[in-house]
Amino acid sequence: MAQTSSARIKLSVLDQTPVIHGHSVADAIAATVELAQAADDLGYTRYWCAEHHGLRGVANPAPEVMIARLASVTKRLRVGSGGVMLPYYSPFKLAEQFLMLEALFPNRIDLGVGRAPGGDMRTARAVAKGPYDAGEHFPQQVAELAGLFGDTLADDHPYRGVLLQPAVQTRPELWVLGSSEFGGLLAAQLGLRYCFAHFINAHYGHRVTQAYRERFTPGQLEKPYCSVALFVICADTDAEAEALEAGVDLRRVQMAYGMNEPIPSIEQGAEAKPQYRERELSVIAREKPRSIIGTPERVTERVMALQEQFEADEIVVLTVAGSYRARLRSHELLAQAFSLRADNSA
């Protein structure tokens, strides 16, 4: 396999702790721990956990708990949230939680925040114990987090001077996550890191990151820093890639129909493929741009093209496949293709 000339690209991992059909939640959590340890050895830069609620196909409603576990079984990898759904929480309490993680694992913790509910609205109301604030106060919450971490709250802020514990010297890296201009412009305004979710919106993200750079004003950072999160499955052969893609197609169809199901297995994907009618085929075709699936040569070519288009400082890969073994293998193949090194500094 030919290695790319992209050895300097930083690769990171986004993990949703997928629950594959025929497997238990315990299996999914164990697979997340295994993948994080592998990513640590393979030379990935950071490992993010996503928050979701009430979904059969993903099993991590508490990234801050998982982060502690993953950081304790890895050595050099940065570990964080990708992301915490900030509208549910008090920024002060969230700052305390992630400062505790930072105290336990200095210079290894990331706090990525988003504003989606991470599930259906009925579940969101249960989590929020009332109406879900879909982001109306999100800019103020992010600004408050940045102010707490940087000790830059305004003199008239009600929490100015309140002791934030643990009072350690280092701080988590604060990221804004998003799939539209809203998050990018907010990150630019506050001088924060930004990650665009191409796996959610595959159509105009490069314009969002361009606007982020152009409108960036120094804040927590002096210069803009952005990543792009891509849905990627890398397989040894075209046949394996095609089989894994069939499972992804079935998942897209299930989501389009509002079905709350585990991640389809490879076998389920193969069984469903001949049965699709025009509506299902239309859904699959519409969703194809959000995925990059194939052999290392094909995948790396597309990843590099998107990295250049977005001018991304990092690539974050999300891999949801119908086999935990195939998911692990995908990350191994990417690490080889991009010549990652375990001694890379984050």
C-alpha atoms as a PDB file:
ATOM      1  CA  MET A   1       0.000   0.000   0.000  1.00  0.00           C
ATOM      2  CA  ALA A   2       1.458   3.320  -1.023  1.00  0.00           C
ATOM      3  CA  GLN A   3       1.772   5.828   1.779  1.00  0.00           C
ATOM      4  CA  THR A   4       0.585   9.334   1.162  1.00  0.00           C
ATOM      5  CA  SER A   5       2.613  12.509   1.263  1.00  0.00           C
ATOM      6  CA  SER A   6       0.235  13.702   3.964  1.00  0.00           C
ATOM      7  CA  ALA A   7       2.320  12.546   6.911  1.00  0.00           C
ATOM      8  CA  ARG A   8       2.021  15.923   8.594  1.00  0.00           C
ATOM      9  CA  ILE A   9      -1.770  15.854   8.770  1.00  0.00           C
ATOM     10  CA  LYS A  10      -3.015  15.305  12.302  1.00  0.00           C
ATOM     11  CA  LEU A  11      -5.725  12.682  12.617  1.00  0.00           C
ATOM     12  CA  SER A  12      -8.068  12.406  15.577  1.00  0.00           C
ATOM     13  CA  VAL A  13     -11.001  10.157  16.500  1.00  0.00           C
ATOM     14  CA  LEU A  14     -14.658  10.882  17.239  1.00  0.00           C
ATOM     15  CA  ASP A  15     -16.404   7.954  18.926  1.00  0.00           C
ATOM     16  CA  GLN A  16     -20.148   7.645  19.487  1.00  0.00           C
ATOM     17  CA  THR A  17     -19.856   4.271  21.290  1.00  0.00           C
ATOM     18  CA  PRO A  18     -22.040   2.523  18.697  1.00  0.00           C
ATOM     19  CA  VAL A  19     -24.142  -0.465  19.735  1.00  0.00           C
ATOM     20  CA  ILE A  20     -24.125  -2.950  16.858  1.00  0.00           C
ATOM     21  CA  HIS A  21     -27.081  -5.299  16.316  1.00  0.00           C
ATOM     22  CA  GLY A  22     -26.467  -8.536  18.202  1.00  0.00           C
ATOM     23  CA  HIS A  23     -24.140  -6.877  20.716  1.00  0.00           C
ATOM     24  CA  SER A  24     -24.757  -5.438  24.160  1.00  0.00           C
ATOM     25  CA  VAL A  25     -24.106  -1.962  25.519  1.00  0.00           C
ATOM     26  CA  ALA A  26     -21.298  -3.537  27.548  1.00  0.00           C
ATOM     27  CA  ASP A  27     -19.739  -4.705  24.268  1.00  0.00           C
ATOM     28  CA  ALA A  28     -19.991  -1.184  22.859  1.00  0.00           C
ATOM     29  CA  ILE A  29     -18.314   0.372  25.888  1.00  0.00           C
ATOM     30  CA  ALA A  30     -15.554  -2.238  25.846  1.00  0.00           C
ATOM     31  CA  ALA A  31     -15.003  -1.548  22.130  1.00  0.00           C
ATOM     32  CA  THR A  32     -14.647   2.174  22.864  1.00  0.00           C
ATOM     33  CA  VAL A  33     -11.956   1.477  25.477  1.00  0.00           C
ATOM     34  CA  GLU A  34     -10.164  -0.878  23.078  1.00  0.00           C
ATOM     35  CA  LEU A  35     -10.274   1.644  20.231  1.00  0.00           C
ATOM     36  CA  ALA A  36      -8.960   4.463  22.425  1.00  0.00           C
ATOM     37  CA  GLN A  37      -5.994   2.335  23.478  1.00  0.00           C
ATOM     38  CA  ALA A  38      -5.316   1.457  19.852  1.00  0.00           C
ATOM     39  CA  ALA A  39      -5.564   5.126  18.816  1.00  0.00           C
ATOM     40  CA  ASP A  40      -3.048   5.981  21.529  1.00  0.00           C
ATOM     41  CA  ASP A  41      -0.606   3.415  20.152  1.00  0.00           C
ATOM     42  CA  LEU A  42      -1.240   4.307  16.501  1.00  0.00           C
ATOM     43  CA  GLY A  43      -0.414   8.002  16.830  1.00  0.00           C
ATOM     44  CA  TYR A  44      -3.795   9.726  16.677  1.00  0.00           C
ATOM     45  CA  THR A  45      -3.805  13.184  18.241  1.00  0.00           C
ATOM     46  CA  ARG A  46      -7.032  13.221  20.250  1.00  0.00           C
ATOM     47  CA  TYR A  47     -10.007  11.016  21.049  1.00  0.00           C
ATOM     48  CA  TRP A  48     -13.430  12.601  21.462  1.00  0.00           C
ATOM     49  CA  CYS A  49     -16.603  11.105  22.934  1.00  0.00           C
ATOM     50  CA  ALA A  50     -20.014  12.285  21.764  1.00  0.00           C
ATOM     51  CA  GLU A  51     -23.039  12.820  24.011  1.00  0.00           C
ATOM     52  CA  HIS A  52     -26.326  11.189  22.999  1.00  0.00           C
ATOM     53  CA  HIS A  53     -29.514  10.348  24.861  1.00  0.00           C
ATOM     54  CA  GLY A  54     -32.272   7.780  24.398  1.00  0.00           C
ATOM     55  CA  LEU A  55     -30.840   6.127  21.274  1.00  0.00           C
ATOM     56  CA  ARG A  56     -30.469   2.354  20.865  1.00  0.00           C
ATOM     57  CA  GLY A  57     -27.574   2.721  18.442  1.00  0.00           C
ATOM     58  CA  VAL A  58     -25.217   4.796  20.610  1.00  0.00           C
ATOM     59  CA  ALA A  59     -24.440   4.358  24.292  1.00  0.00           C
ATOM     60  CA  ASN A  60     -22.665   7.356  25.793  1.00  0.00           C
ATOM     61  CA  PRO A  61     -24.912   9.882  27.570  1.00  0.00           C
ATOM     62  CA  ALA A  62     -22.036  11.014  29.827  1.00  0.00           C
ATOM     63  CA  PRO A  63     -18.817  11.876  27.953  1.00  0.00           C
ATOM     64  CA  GLU A  64     -17.194  13.285  31.092  1.00  0.00           C
ATOM     65  CA  VAL A  65     -17.371   9.848  32.749  1.00  0.00           C
ATOM     66  CA  MET A  66     -16.035   8.035  29.687  1.00  0.00           C
ATOM     67  CA  ILE A  67     -13.227  10.588  29.316  1.00  0.00           C
ATOM     68  CA  ALA A  68     -11.949   9.738  32.786  1.00  0.00           C
ATOM     69  CA  ARG A  69     -11.889   6.046  31.937  1.00  0.00           C
ATOM     70  CA  LEU A  70     -10.187   6.510  28.572  1.00  0.00           C
ATOM     71  CA  ALA A  71      -7.575   8.929  29.867  1.00  0.00           C
ATOM     72  CA  SER A  72      -6.713   6.452  32.620  1.00  0.00           C
ATOM     73  CA  VAL A  73      -5.946   3.647  30.148  1.00  0.00           C
ATOM     74  CA  THR A  74      -4.026   5.737  27.583  1.00  0.00           C
ATOM     75  CA  LYS A  75      -0.712   7.558  27.854  1.00  0.00           C
ATOM     76  CA  ARG A  76      -0.285  10.397  25.359  1.00  0.00           C
ATOM     77  CA  LEU A  77      -3.624  10.842  23.605  1.00  0.00           C
ATOM     78  CA  ARG A  78      -5.660  13.973  24.269  1.00  0.00           C
ATOM     79  CA  VAL A  79      -9.136  12.898  25.402  1.00  0.00           C
ATOM     80  CA  GLY A  80     -12.264  15.003  25.359  1.00  0.00           C
ATOM     81  CA  SER A  81     -15.870  15.606  24.408  1.00  0.00           C
ATOM     82  CA  GLY A  82     -17.044  15.887  20.857  1.00  0.00           C
ATOM     83  CA  GLY A  83     -19.161  17.173  22.295  1.00  0.00           C
ATOM     84  CA  VAL A  84     -21.020  17.967  25.439  1.00  0.00           C
ATOM     85  CA  MET A  85     -24.450  19.402  24.632  1.00  0.00           C
ATOM     86  CA  LEU A  86     -24.031  22.662  26.517  1.00  0.00           C
ATOM     87  CA  PRO A  87     -27.674  23.872  26.643  1.00  0.00           C
ATOM     88  CA  TYR A  88     -28.407  21.102  29.159  1.00  0.00           C
ATOM     89  CA  TYR A  89     -25.866  22.333  31.686  1.00  0.00           C
ATOM     90  CA  SER A  90     -24.542  25.079  33.911  1.00  0.00           C
ATOM     91  CA  PRO A  91     -21.312  26.403  32.376  1.00  0.00           C
ATOM     92  CA  PHE A  92     -19.850  26.747  35.880  1.00  0.00           C
ATOM     93  CA  LYS A  93     -20.544  23.099  36.755  1.00  0.00           C
ATOM     94  CA  LEU A  94     -19.189  21.959  33.388  1.00  0.00           C
ATOM     95  CA  ALA A  95     -16.028  23.997  33.980  1.00  0.00           C
ATOM     96  CA  GLU A  96     -15.604  22.298  37.359  1.00  0.00           C
ATOM     97  CA  GLN A  97     -16.023  18.834  35.839  1.00  0.00           C
ATOM     98  CA  PHE A  98     -13.480  19.399  33.096  1.00  0.00           C
ATOM     99  CA  LEU A  99     -11.032  21.135  35.424  1.00  0.00           C
ATOM    100  CA  MET A 100     -11.176  18.018  37.600  1.00  0.00           C
ATOM    101  CA  LEU A 101     -10.365  15.935  34.528  1.00  0.00           C
ATOM    102  CA  GLU A 102      -7.554  18.375  33.698  1.00  0.00           C
ATOM    103  CA  ALA A 103      -6.217  18.060  37.253  1.00  0.00           C
ATOM    104  CA  LEU A 104      -6.165  14.277  36.915  1.00  0.00           C
ATOM    105  CA  PHE A 105      -4.724  14.271  33.370  1.00  0.00           C
ATOM    106  CA  PRO A 106      -2.815  17.557  32.844  1.00  0.00           C
ATOM    107  CA  ASN A 107      -2.557  18.893  29.283  1.00  0.00           C
ATOM    108  CA  ARG A 108      -4.607  16.003  27.896  1.00  0.00           C
ATOM    109  CA  ILE A 109      -8.232  17.160  28.182  1.00  0.00           C
ATOM    110  CA  ASP A 110     -10.462  18.785  25.532  1.00  0.00           C
ATOM    111  CA  LEU A 111     -13.910  20.288  26.092  1.00  0.00           C
ATOM    112  CA  GLY A 112     -15.874  20.414  22.849  1.00  0.00           C
ATOM    113  CA  VAL A 113     -19.352  21.900  23.145  1.00  0.00           C
ATOM    114  CA  GLY A 114     -22.358  21.781  20.832  1.00  0.00           C
ATOM    115  CA  ARG A 115     -26.008  22.790  20.971  1.00  0.00           C
ATOM    116  CA  ALA A 116     -27.923  19.856  19.454  1.00  0.00           C
ATOM    117  CA  PRO A 117     -30.139  17.783  21.774  1.00  0.00           C
ATOM    118  CA  GLY A 118     -28.335  14.505  21.015  1.00  0.00           C
ATOM    119  CA  GLY A 119     -31.643  12.657  20.726  1.00  0.00           C
ATOM    120  CA  ASP A 120     -35.347  13.226  20.140  1.00  0.00           C
ATOM    121  CA  MET A 121     -37.122  16.168  21.731  1.00  0.00           C
ATOM    122  CA  ARG A 122     -39.110  14.076  24.244  1.00  0.00           C
ATOM    123  CA  THR A 123     -35.851  12.641  25.552  1.00  0.00           C
ATOM    124  CA  ALA A 124     -34.320  16.115  25.511  1.00  0.00           C
ATOM    125  CA  ARG A 125     -37.083  17.359  27.799  1.00  0.00           C
ATOM    126  CA  ALA A 126     -36.396  14.466  30.164  1.00  0.00           C
ATOM    127  CA  VAL A 127     -32.666  15.284  30.272  1.00  0.00           C
ATOM    128  CA  ALA A 128     -33.278  19.011  30.674  1.00  0.00           C
ATOM    129  CA  LYS A 129     -36.140  18.436  33.152  1.00  0.00           C
ATOM    130  CA  GLY A 130     -38.254  20.827  31.157  1.00  0.00           C
ATOM    131  CA  PRO A 131     -38.296  22.557  27.752  1.00  0.00           C
ATOM    132  CA  TYR A 132     -35.054  22.130  25.834  1.00  0.00           C
ATOM    133  CA  ASP A 133     -33.250  25.375  25.053  1.00  0.00           C
ATOM    134  CA  ALA A 134     -32.206  24.652  21.486  1.00  0.00           C
ATOM    135  CA  GLY A 135     -29.365  27.127  21.666  1.00  0.00           C
ATOM    136  CA  GLU A 136     -30.900  30.518  22.362  1.00  0.00           C
ATOM    137  CA  HIS A 137     -28.450  31.046  25.218  1.00  0.00           C
ATOM    138  CA  PHE A 138     -25.618  29.002  23.709  1.00  0.00           C
ATOM    139  CA  PRO A 139     -23.409  31.998  22.777  1.00  0.00           C
ATOM    140  CA  GLN A 140     -23.642  33.353  26.317  1.00  0.00           C
ATOM    141  CA  GLN A 141     -22.888  29.913  27.752  1.00  0.00           C
ATOM    142  CA  VAL A 142     -19.782  29.466  25.581  1.00  0.00           C
ATOM    143  CA  ALA A 143     -18.594  32.971  26.407  1.00  0.00           C
ATOM    144  CA  GLU A 144     -19.058  32.192  30.091  1.00  0.00           C
ATOM    145  CA  LEU A 145     -17.039  28.986  29.790  1.00  0.00           C
ATOM    146  CA  ALA A 146     -14.238  30.848  28.035  1.00  0.00           C
ATOM    147  CA  GLY A 147     -14.372  33.548  30.700  1.00  0.00           C
ATOM    148  CA  LEU A 148     -14.214  30.994  33.510  1.00  0.00           C
ATOM    149  CA  PHE A 149     -11.244  29.178  31.991  1.00  0.00           C
ATOM    150  CA  GLY A 150      -9.441  32.416  31.169  1.00  0.00           C
ATOM    151  CA  ASP A 151     -10.421  34.297  34.342  1.00  0.00           C
ATOM    152  CA  THR A 152     -11.803  37.023  32.093  1.00  0.00           C
ATOM    153  CA  LEU A 153     -15.399  37.316  33.299  1.00  0.00           C
ATOM    154  CA  ALA A 154     -16.570  40.932  33.315  1.00  0.00           C
ATOM    155  CA  ASP A 155     -16.367  42.779  36.624  1.00  0.00           C
ATOM    156  CA  ASP A 156     -20.153  42.924  36.812  1.00  0.00           C
ATOM    157  CA  HIS A 157     -20.661  39.232  35.986  1.00  0.00           C
ATOM    158  CA  PRO A 158     -22.577  37.521  38.820  1.00  0.00           C
ATOM    159  CA  TYR A 159     -19.969  34.751  39.092  1.00  0.00           C
ATOM    160  CA  ARG A 160     -16.913  37.007  38.987  1.00  0.00           C
ATOM    161  CA  GLY A 161     -14.712  36.109  41.936  1.00  0.00           C
ATOM    162  CA  VAL A 162     -16.407  32.795  42.716  1.00  0.00           C
ATOM    163  CA  LEU A 163     -13.678  30.215  43.358  1.00  0.00           C
ATOM    164  CA  LEU A 164     -13.473  27.711  40.521  1.00  0.00           C
ATOM    165  CA  GLN A 165     -12.071  24.416  41.739  1.00  0.00           C
ATOM    166  CA  PRO A 166      -9.835  22.553  41.262  1.00  0.00           C
ATOM    167  CA  ALA A 167      -7.597  25.607  40.953  1.00  0.00           C
ATOM    168  CA  VAL A 168      -4.951  24.037  38.711  1.00  0.00           C
ATOM    169  CA  GLN A 169      -2.631  25.967  36.433  1.00  0.00           C
ATOM    170  CA  THR A 170      -3.483  24.236  33.160  1.00  0.00           C
ATOM    171  CA  ARG A 171      -6.799  24.374  31.281  1.00  0.00           C
ATOM    172  CA  PRO A 172      -8.690  22.065  28.944  1.00  0.00           C
ATOM    173  CA  GLU A 173      -8.729  23.061  25.283  1.00  0.00           C
ATOM    174  CA  LEU A 174     -12.133  24.607  24.561  1.00  0.00           C
ATOM    175  CA  TRP A 175     -13.688  23.845  21.168  1.00  0.00           C
ATOM    176  CA  VAL A 176     -16.922  24.961  19.525  1.00  0.00           C
ATOM    177  CA  LEU A 177     -18.507  22.217  17.416  1.00  0.00           C
ATOM    178  CA  GLY A 178     -21.037  22.832  14.676  1.00  0.00           C
ATOM    179  CA  SER A 179     -22.434  22.090  11.236  1.00  0.00           C
ATOM    180  CA  SER A 180     -23.481  25.612  10.210  1.00  0.00           C
ATOM    181  CA  GLU A 181     -22.251  29.198  10.177  1.00  0.00           C
ATOM    182  CA  PHE A 182     -23.660  29.766  13.666  1.00  0.00           C
ATOM    183  CA  GLY A 183     -20.944  27.834  15.479  1.00  0.00           C
ATOM    184  CA  GLY A 184     -18.136  28.959  13.204  1.00  0.00           C
ATOM    185  CA  LEU A 185     -18.902  32.645  13.633  1.00  0.00           C
ATOM    186  CA  LEU A 186     -19.297  32.216  17.393  1.00  0.00           C
ATOM    187  CA  ALA A 187     -15.895  30.515  17.648  1.00  0.00           C
ATOM    188  CA  ALA A 188     -14.379  33.308  15.538  1.00  0.00           C
ATOM    189  CA  GLN A 189     -15.940  36.001  17.710  1.00  0.00           C
ATOM    190  CA  LEU A 190     -14.650  34.433  20.934  1.00  0.00           C
ATOM    191  CA  GLY A 191     -11.242  33.416  19.578  1.00  0.00           C
ATOM    192  CA  LEU A 192     -11.805  29.685  20.115  1.00  0.00           C
ATOM    193  CA  ARG A 193     -11.000  26.463  18.270  1.00  0.00           C
ATOM    194  CA  TYR A 194     -13.675  25.243  15.859  1.00  0.00           C
ATOM    195  CA  CYS A 195     -14.623  21.838  14.449  1.00  0.00           C
ATOM    196  CA  PHE A 196     -17.025  21.547  11.505  1.00  0.00           C
ATOM    197  CA  ALA A 197     -19.151  18.379  11.288  1.00  0.00           C
ATOM    198  CA  HIS A 198     -18.930  17.425   7.608  1.00  0.00           C
ATOM    199  CA  PHE A 199     -20.490  14.062   8.545  1.00  0.00           C
ATOM    200  CA  ILE A 200     -23.692  16.011   9.291  1.00  0.00           C
ATOM    201  CA  ASN A 201     -23.522  18.703   6.599  1.00  0.00           C
ATOM    202  CA  ALA A 202     -21.491  17.794   3.524  1.00  0.00           C
ATOM    203  CA  HIS A 203     -22.437  20.735   1.325  1.00  0.00           C
ATOM    204  CA  TYR A 204     -20.910  24.085   2.306  1.00  0.00           C
ATOM    205  CA  GLY A 205     -18.625  23.520   5.262  1.00  0.00           C
ATOM    206  CA  HIS A 206     -15.560  24.960   3.549  1.00  0.00           C
ATOM    207  CA  ARG A 207     -17.341  28.307   3.365  1.00  0.00           C
ATOM    208  CA  VAL A 208     -18.021  28.118   7.105  1.00  0.00           C
ATOM    209  CA  THR A 209     -14.374  27.476   7.956  1.00  0.00           C
ATOM    210  CA  GLN A 210     -13.306  30.217   5.547  1.00  0.00           C
ATOM    211  CA  ALA A 211     -15.607  32.686   7.306  1.00  0.00           C
ATOM    212  CA  TYR A 212     -14.288  31.462  10.660  1.00  0.00           C
ATOM    213  CA  ARG A 213     -10.739  32.331   9.611  1.00  0.00           C
ATOM    214  CA  GLU A 214     -11.619  35.644   8.036  1.00  0.00           C
ATOM    215  CA  ARG A 215     -13.615  36.866  11.031  1.00  0.00           C
ATOM    216  CA  PHE A 216     -11.428  35.406  13.766  1.00  0.00           C
ATOM    217  CA  THR A 217     -10.529  37.772  16.589  1.00  0.00           C
ATOM    218  CA  PRO A 218      -7.894  36.771  19.171  1.00  0.00           C
ATOM    219  CA  GLY A 219      -9.340  35.414  22.383  1.00  0.00           C
ATOM    220  CA  GLN A 220      -8.301  32.166  24.048  1.00  0.00           C
ATOM    221  CA  LEU A 221      -6.234  31.674  20.869  1.00  0.00           C
ATOM    222  CA  GLU A 222      -4.097  34.202  19.040  1.00  0.00           C
ATOM    223  CA  LYS A 223      -4.723  32.528  15.663  1.00  0.00           C
ATOM    224  CA  PRO A 224      -7.611  30.485  14.252  1.00  0.00           C
ATOM    225  CA  TYR A 225      -7.440  26.711  14.558  1.00  0.00           C
ATOM    226  CA  CYS A 226     -10.018  24.441  12.982  1.00  0.00           C
ATOM    227  CA  SER A 227     -10.667  20.806  12.254  1.00  0.00           C
ATOM    228  CA  VAL A 228     -13.191  18.987  10.110  1.00  0.00           C
ATOM    229  CA  ALA A 229     -14.973  15.830  11.270  1.00  0.00           C
ATOM    230  CA  LEU A 230     -15.503  13.241   8.531  1.00  0.00           C
ATOM    231  CA  PHE A 231     -17.374   9.938   8.424  1.00  0.00           C
ATOM    232  CA  VAL A 232     -14.743   7.457   7.247  1.00  0.00           C
ATOM    233  CA  ILE A 233     -14.551   3.695   6.819  1.00  0.00           C
ATOM    234  CA  CYS A 234     -11.316   2.287   5.450  1.00  0.00           C
ATOM    235  CA  ALA A 235     -11.149  -1.389   4.423  1.00  0.00           C
ATOM    236  CA  ASP A 236      -8.485  -3.690   3.006  1.00  0.00           C
ATOM    237  CA  THR A 237     -10.440  -4.510  -0.147  1.00  0.00           C
ATOM    238  CA  ASP A 238     -13.178  -3.013  -2.287  1.00  0.00           C
ATOM    239  CA  ALA A 239     -15.419  -5.979  -1.458  1.00  0.00           C
ATOM    240  CA  GLU A 240     -15.059  -5.389   2.285  1.00  0.00           C
ATOM    241  CA  ALA A 241     -15.712  -1.679   1.823  1.00  0.00           C
ATOM    242  CA  GLU A 242     -18.846  -2.416  -0.194  1.00  0.00           C
ATOM    243  CA  ALA A 243     -20.150  -4.771   2.502  1.00  0.00           C
ATOM    244  CA  LEU A 244     -19.548  -2.186   5.219  1.00  0.00           C
ATOM    245  CA  GLU A 245     -21.156   0.544   3.119  1.00  0.00           C
ATOM    246  CA  ALA A 246     -24.320  -1.555   2.803  1.00  0.00           C
ATOM    247  CA  GLY A 247     -24.672  -1.390   6.569  1.00  0.00           C
ATOM    248  CA  VAL A 248     -24.209   2.377   6.518  1.00  0.00           C
ATOM    249  CA  ASP A 249     -26.874   2.660   3.820  1.00  0.00           C
ATOM    250  CA  LEU A 250     -29.339   0.694   5.957  1.00  0.00           C
ATOM    251  CA  ARG A 251     -28.586   2.953   8.926  1.00  0.00           C
ATOM    252  CA  ARG A 252     -29.331   6.033   6.820  1.00  0.00           C
ATOM    253  CA  VAL A 253     -32.651   4.527   5.721  1.00  0.00           C
ATOM    254  CA  GLN A 254     -33.560   3.677   9.312  1.00  0.00           C
ATOM    255  CA  MET A 255     -32.820   7.223  10.415  1.00  0.00           C
ATOM    256  CA  ALA A 256     -34.856   8.677   7.542  1.00  0.00           C
ATOM    257  CA  TYR A 257     -37.827   6.599   8.718  1.00  0.00           C
ATOM    258  CA  GLY A 258     -37.335   7.665  12.345  1.00  0.00           C
ATOM    259  CA  MET A 259     -36.436   4.156  13.487  1.00  0.00           C
ATOM    260  CA  ASN A 260     -34.588   3.935  16.824  1.00  0.00           C
ATOM    261  CA  GLU A 261     -32.513   0.802  16.216  1.00  0.00           C
ATOM    262  CA  PRO A 262     -29.006  -0.502  16.950  1.00  0.00           C
ATOM    263  CA  ILE A 263     -26.329  -0.032  14.299  1.00  0.00           C
ATOM    264  CA  PRO A 264     -26.978  -2.555  11.514  1.00  0.00           C
ATOM    265  CA  SER A 265     -24.628  -5.514  11.314  1.00  0.00           C
ATOM    266  CA  ILE A 266     -22.825  -6.427   8.107  1.00  0.00           C
ATOM    267  CA  GLU A 267     -25.313  -9.267   7.646  1.00  0.00           C
ATOM    268  CA  GLN A 268     -28.309  -6.944   7.995  1.00  0.00           C
ATOM    269  CA  GLY A 269     -26.825  -4.576   5.441  1.00  0.00           C
ATOM    270  CA  ALA A 270     -26.400  -7.382   2.943  1.00  0.00           C
ATOM    271  CA  GLU A 271     -29.952  -8.647   3.498  1.00  0.00           C
ATOM    272  CA  ALA A 272     -31.501  -5.191   3.061  1.00  0.00           C
ATOM    273  CA  LYS A 273     -29.603  -4.179  -0.076  1.00  0.00           C
ATOM    274  CA  PRO A 274     -31.693  -6.100  -2.662  1.00  0.00           C
ATOM    275  CA  GLN A 275     -34.973  -4.973  -1.087  1.00  0.00           C
ATOM    276  CA  TYR A 276     -34.696  -1.206  -1.480  1.00  0.00           C
ATOM    277  CA  ARG A 277     -37.281   0.610  -3.555  1.00  0.00           C
ATOM    278  CA  GLU A 278     -37.148   4.042  -5.120  1.00  0.00           C
ATOM    279  CA  ARG A 279     -37.682   5.962  -1.873  1.00  0.00           C
ATOM    280  CA  GLU A 280     -34.933   4.111  -0.012  1.00  0.00           C
ATOM    281  CA  LEU A 281     -32.539   4.427  -2.934  1.00  0.00           C
ATOM    282  CA  SER A 282     -33.230   8.167  -3.008  1.00  0.00           C
ATOM    283  CA  VAL A 283     -32.378   8.458   0.691  1.00  0.00           C
ATOM    284  CA  ILE A 284     -29.150   6.514   0.194  1.00  0.00           C
ATOM    285  CA  ALA A 285     -28.111   8.634  -2.793  1.00  0.00           C
ATOM    286  CA  ARG A 286     -28.859  11.855  -0.914  1.00  0.00           C
ATOM    287  CA  GLU A 287     -26.763  10.805   2.082  1.00  0.00           C
ATOM    288  CA  LYS A 288     -23.736   9.440   0.167  1.00  0.00           C
ATOM    289  CA  PRO A 289     -21.740  12.718   0.225  1.00  0.00           C
ATOM    290  CA  ARG A 290     -21.565  12.534   4.030  1.00  0.00           C
ATOM    291  CA  SER A 291     -19.473   9.336   3.937  1.00  0.00           C
ATOM    292  CA  ILE A 292     -16.014   8.374   2.714  1.00  0.00           C
ATOM    293  CA  ILE A 293     -15.800   4.593   2.366  1.00  0.00           C
ATOM    294  CA  GLY A 294     -13.250   2.517   0.483  1.00  0.00           C
ATOM    295  CA  THR A 295      -9.707   1.195   0.384  1.00  0.00           C
ATOM    296  CA  PRO A 296      -6.831   3.265   1.822  1.00  0.00           C
ATOM    297  CA  GLU A 297      -5.926   4.764  -1.554  1.00  0.00           C
ATOM    298  CA  ARG A 298      -9.436   5.987  -2.269  1.00  0.00           C
ATOM    299  CA  VAL A 299     -10.089   7.186   1.278  1.00  0.00           C
ATOM    300  CA  THR A 300      -6.835   9.085   1.712  1.00  0.00           C
ATOM    301  CA  GLU A 301      -7.269  10.836  -1.619  1.00  0.00           C
ATOM    302  CA  ARG A 302     -10.700  12.098  -0.580  1.00  0.00           C
ATOM    303  CA  VAL A 303      -9.596  12.998   2.963  1.00  0.00           C
ATOM    304  CA  MET A 304      -6.646  14.995   1.657  1.00  0.00           C
ATOM    305  CA  ALA A 305      -8.861  16.811  -0.837  1.00  0.00           C
ATOM    306  CA  LEU A 306     -11.253  17.837   1.925  1.00  0.00           C
ATOM    307  CA  GLN A 307      -8.397  18.835   4.217  1.00  0.00           C
ATOM    308  CA  GLU A 308      -7.146  21.187   1.518  1.00  0.00           C
ATOM    309  CA  GLN A 309     -10.629  22.486   0.737  1.00  0.00           C
ATOM    310  CA  PHE A 310     -11.329  23.253   4.402  1.00  0.00           C
ATOM    311  CA  GLU A 311      -7.730  24.316   5.107  1.00  0.00           C
ATOM    312  CA  ALA A 312      -8.152  22.159   8.195  1.00  0.00           C
ATOM    313  CA  ASP A 313      -5.465  21.983  10.847  1.00  0.00           C
ATOM    314  CA  GLU A 314      -6.729  18.542  11.826  1.00  0.00           C
ATOM    315  CA  ILE A 315      -8.978  15.792  10.529  1.00  0.00           C
ATOM    316  CA  VAL A 316     -11.313  14.045  12.966  1.00  0.00           C
ATOM    317  CA  VAL A 317     -12.641  10.671  11.812  1.00  0.00           C
ATOM    318  CA  LEU A 318     -15.947   9.155  12.848  1.00  0.00           C
ATOM    319  CA  THR A 319     -16.265   5.467  11.977  1.00  0.00           C
ATOM    320  CA  VAL A 320     -19.536   3.635  12.573  1.00  0.00           C
ATOM    321  CA  ALA A 321     -19.420   0.183  11.005  1.00  0.00           C
ATOM    322  CA  GLY A 322     -21.316  -3.078  11.310  1.00  0.00           C
ATOM    323  CA  SER A 323     -18.371  -4.784  12.989  1.00  0.00           C
ATOM    324  CA  TYR A 324     -16.157  -3.658  15.866  1.00  0.00           C
ATOM    325  CA  ARG A 325     -13.247  -5.512  14.285  1.00  0.00           C
ATOM    326  CA  ALA A 326     -13.781  -3.633  11.012  1.00  0.00           C
ATOM    327  CA  ARG A 327     -13.927  -0.299  12.876  1.00  0.00           C
ATOM    328  CA  LEU A 328     -10.618  -1.009  14.590  1.00  0.00           C
ATOM    329  CA  ARG A 329      -9.071  -2.127  11.298  1.00  0.00           C
ATOM    330  CA  SER A 330     -10.233   1.087   9.618  1.00  0.00           C
ATOM    331  CA  HIS A 331      -8.283   3.155  12.147  1.00  0.00           C
ATOM    332  CA  GLU A 332      -5.219   0.946  11.709  1.00  0.00           C
ATOM    333  CA  LEU A 333      -5.308   1.397   7.935  1.00  0.00           C
ATOM    334  CA  LEU A 334      -5.704   5.177   8.216  1.00  0.00           C
ATOM    335  CA  ALA A 335      -2.791   5.392  10.634  1.00  0.00           C
ATOM    336  CA  GLN A 336      -0.620   3.489   8.159  1.00  0.00           C
ATOM    337  CA  ALA A 337      -1.769   5.536   5.172  1.00  0.00           C
ATOM    338  CA  PHE A 338      -1.105   8.847   6.910  1.00  0.00           C
ATOM    339  CA  SER A 339       2.169   7.680   8.498  1.00  0.00           C
ATOM    340  CA  LEU A 340       1.067   8.535  12.010  1.00  0.00           C
ATOM    341  CA  ARG A 341       3.643   8.199  14.748  1.00  0.00           C
ATOM    342  CA  ALA A 342       2.969   7.346  18.367  1.00  0.00           C
ATOM    343  CA  ASP A 343       5.477   9.967  19.428  1.00  0.00           C
ATOM    344  CA  ASN A 344       3.577  12.761  17.636  1.00  0.00           C
ATOM    345  CA  SER A 345       2.954  15.619  20.035  1.00  0.00           C
ATOM    346  CA  ALA A 346      -0.663  16.658  20.391  1.00  0.00           C
END
